[in-house]
C-alpha atoms as a PDB file:
ATOM      1  CA  MET A   1      -2.223   0.798   0.934  1.00  0.00           C
ATOM      2  CA  VAL A   2       0.814   1.923  -1.164  1.00  0.00           C
ATOM      3  CA  TYR A   3       1.303   2.898  -4.830  1.00  0.00           C
ATOM      4  CA  ILE A   4       4.221   1.440  -6.621  1.00  0.00           C
ATOM      5  CA  THR A   5       5.536   4.491  -8.631  1.00  0.00           C
ATOM      6  CA  ALA A   6       8.760   3.140 -10.161  1.00  0.00           C
ATOM      7  CA  ILE A   7      10.636  -0.100 -10.662  1.00  0.00           C
ATOM      8  CA  ARG A   8      14.359  -1.363 -10.860  1.00  0.00           C
ATOM      9  CA  ILE A   9      14.913  -3.897 -13.514  1.00  0.00           C
ATOM     10  CA  PRO A  10      18.297  -4.822 -15.181  1.00  0.00           C
ATOM     11  CA  SER A  11      19.120  -3.088 -18.377  1.00  0.00           C
ATOM     12  CA  GLY A  12      17.680  -4.770 -21.337  1.00  0.00           C
ATOM     13  CA  SER A  13      15.021  -6.792 -19.283  1.00  0.00           C
ATOM     14  CA  ASN A  14      11.440  -6.469 -20.055  1.00  0.00           C
ATOM     15  CA  MET A  15       9.782  -9.204 -17.939  1.00  0.00           C
ATOM     16  CA  HIS A  16       7.902  -9.070 -14.637  1.00  0.00           C
ATOM     17  CA  GLU A  17      10.126 -11.830 -13.259  1.00  0.00           C
ATOM     18  CA  HIS A  18      13.212  -9.484 -13.550  1.00  0.00           C
ATOM     19  CA  ILE A  19      11.996  -6.568 -11.310  1.00  0.00           C
ATOM     20  CA  THR A  20      14.390  -6.419  -8.468  1.00  0.00           C
ATOM     21  CA  ALA A  21      13.109  -3.440  -6.482  1.00  0.00           C
ATOM     22  CA  VAL A  22      10.097  -1.050  -6.450  1.00  0.00           C
ATOM     23  CA  HIS A  23       9.688   2.549  -5.268  1.00  0.00           C
ATOM     24  CA  TRP A  24       6.459   3.147  -3.441  1.00  0.00           C
ATOM     25  CA  ARG A  25       4.499   5.883  -1.662  1.00  0.00           C
ATOM     26  CA  ASN A  26       1.798   5.807   0.939  1.00  0.00           C
ATOM     27  CA  PRO A  27      -0.873   8.447  -0.021  1.00  0.00           C
ATOM     28  CA  GLN A  28      -2.217   8.656   3.465  1.00  0.00           C
ATOM     29  CA  SER A  29       1.031   9.261   5.411  1.00  0.00           C
ATOM     30  CA  GLY A  30       3.144  10.783   2.519  1.00  0.00           C
ATOM     31  CA  GLU A  31       5.804   8.308   3.209  1.00  0.00           C
ATOM     32  CA  ALA A  32       7.768   7.163   0.177  1.00  0.00           C
ATOM     33  CA  ASN A  33      10.693   4.681   0.112  1.00  0.00           C
ATOM     34  CA  ALA A  34      12.207   1.784  -1.957  1.00  0.00           C
ATOM     35  CA  CYS A  35      12.473  -1.968  -1.235  1.00  0.00           C
ATOM     36  CA  SER A  36      13.453  -5.153  -2.858  1.00  0.00           C
ATOM     37  CA  ARG A  37      10.874  -7.366  -4.713  1.00  0.00           C
ATOM     38  CA  GLU A  38      11.247  -9.745  -1.785  1.00  0.00           C
ATOM     39  CA  GLN A  39      10.408  -7.285   0.772  1.00  0.00           C
ATOM     40  CA  MET A  40       7.269  -6.107  -1.109  1.00  0.00           C
ATOM     41  CA  ILE A  41       6.163  -9.738  -1.626  1.00  0.00           C
ATOM     42  CA  ASP A  42       6.614 -10.436   2.111  1.00  0.00           C
ATOM     43  CA  TRP A  43       4.484  -7.268   2.931  1.00  0.00           C
ATOM     44  CA  ILE A  44       1.711  -8.148   0.582  1.00  0.00           C
ATOM     45  CA  ASP A  45       1.642 -11.853   1.810  1.00  0.00           C
ATOM     46  CA  ASN A  46       2.395 -11.624   5.636  1.00  0.00           C
ATOM     47  CA  GLN A  47       1.119  -8.181   6.600  1.00  0.00           C
ATOM     48  CA  ASN A  48      -1.836  -8.073   4.449  1.00  0.00           C
ATOM     49  CA  GLY A  49      -0.337  -5.188   2.461  1.00  0.00           C
ATOM     50  CA  ASP A  50      -2.182  -3.721  -0.539  1.00  0.00           C
ATOM     51  CA  ALA A  51      -0.028  -2.506  -3.280  1.00  0.00           C
ATOM     52  CA  ARG A  52      -1.532  -0.763  -6.364  1.00  0.00           C
ATOM     53  CA  VAL A  53      -0.404   0.939  -9.488  1.00  0.00           C
ATOM     54  CA  GLN A  54      -2.077   4.200 -10.602  1.00  0.00           C
ATOM     55  CA  SER A  55      -3.318   4.115 -14.277  1.00  0.00           C
ATOM     56  CA  PRO A  56      -5.397   6.509 -16.491  1.00  0.00           C
ATOM     57  CA  TYR A  57      -8.258   4.131 -15.947  1.00  0.00           C
ATOM     58  CA  GLY A  58      -8.021   3.865 -12.001  1.00  0.00           C
ATOM     59  CA  ASP A  59      -5.923   1.840  -9.612  1.00  0.00           C
ATOM     60  CA  VAL A  60      -4.687  -1.559 -10.572  1.00  0.00           C
ATOM     61  CA  LYS A  61      -3.884  -4.079  -7.901  1.00  0.00           C
ATOM     62  CA  VAL A  62      -0.573  -5.703  -7.601  1.00  0.00           C
ATOM     63  CA  ASP A  63      -0.578  -9.457  -7.123  1.00  0.00           C
ATOM     64  CA  VAL A  64       2.153 -11.972  -6.216  1.00  0.00           C
ATOM     65  CA  VAL A  65       2.677 -14.756  -8.708  1.00  0.00           C
ATOM     66  CA  ARG A  66       3.636 -17.793  -7.048  1.00  0.00           C
ATOM     67  CA  THR A  67       6.554 -19.264  -8.775  1.00  0.00           C
ATOM     68  CA  ASN A  68      10.166 -20.045  -7.587  1.00  0.00           C
ATOM     69  CA  PRO A  69      11.032 -17.155  -7.095  1.00  0.00           C
ATOM     70  CA  PRO A  70       7.827 -15.432  -6.635  1.00  0.00           C
ATOM     71  CA  TYR A  71       7.398 -11.970  -8.624  1.00  0.00           C
ATOM     72  CA  LEU A  72       5.036  -9.031  -8.841  1.00  0.00           C
ATOM     73  CA  ARG A  73       2.393  -8.603 -11.475  1.00  0.00           C
ATOM     74  CA  THR A  74      -0.642  -6.300 -11.901  1.00  0.00           C
ATOM     75  CA  ILE A  75      -4.151  -7.544 -12.607  1.00  0.00           C
ATOM     76  CA  ALA A  76      -6.664  -5.272 -14.215  1.00  0.00           C
ATOM     77  CA  ASN A  77     -10.294  -6.554 -15.109  1.00  0.00           C
ATOM     78  CA  GLY A  78      -9.203 -10.074 -14.358  1.00  0.00           C
ATOM     79  CA  ARG A  79      -6.259 -10.013 -16.859  1.00  0.00           C
ATOM     80  CA  HIS A  80      -2.533  -9.867 -16.284  1.00  0.00           C
ATOM     81  CA  THR A  81      -1.339  -6.483 -17.430  1.00  0.00           C
ATOM     82  CA  ASP A  82       2.030  -4.782 -17.905  1.00  0.00           C
ATOM     83  CA  ASN A  83       1.292  -1.716 -15.681  1.00  0.00           C
ATOM     84  CA  LEU A  84       4.460  -2.375 -13.640  1.00  0.00           C
ATOM     85  CA  LEU A  85       6.643  -2.551 -16.564  1.00  0.00           C
ATOM     86  CA  SER A  86       5.376   0.747 -17.883  1.00  0.00           C
ATOM     87  CA  LEU A  87       6.539   2.594 -14.723  1.00  0.00           C
ATOM     88  CA  PRO A  88       9.693   4.821 -14.605  1.00  0.00           C
ATOM     89  CA  ARG A  89      12.957   2.998 -13.706  1.00  0.00           C
ATOM     90  CA  PHE A  90      15.026   4.136 -10.743  1.00  0.00           C
END
C-alpha cells in the first residue's frame, strides 16, 4: 500500500483527468518516489496495487476511472471526491 502525497497537474487545470504524475510514499518501507499517472494506473491494475490518500477522516482509496485515457480518482463513502486535487503540487 502507498499513499499519494502530491500531484503534478498543468497550471490552470483542476480536473482529475489532467493529473500527469503523482508522488507517493510507502509507510511500511519508508520508500518515496514519483511516477507518471500511467505507471500508477498500471501498478493498481496489474500488480494489485493499493493506493490511498490520507484525509482528516481516514484513508481514502484511489480508483482507476476507465475512460480513454484512464485517470485516477478517489472514492470516499461510495462517492467520487476531490482528495487528489486537494494535495500539494510538485
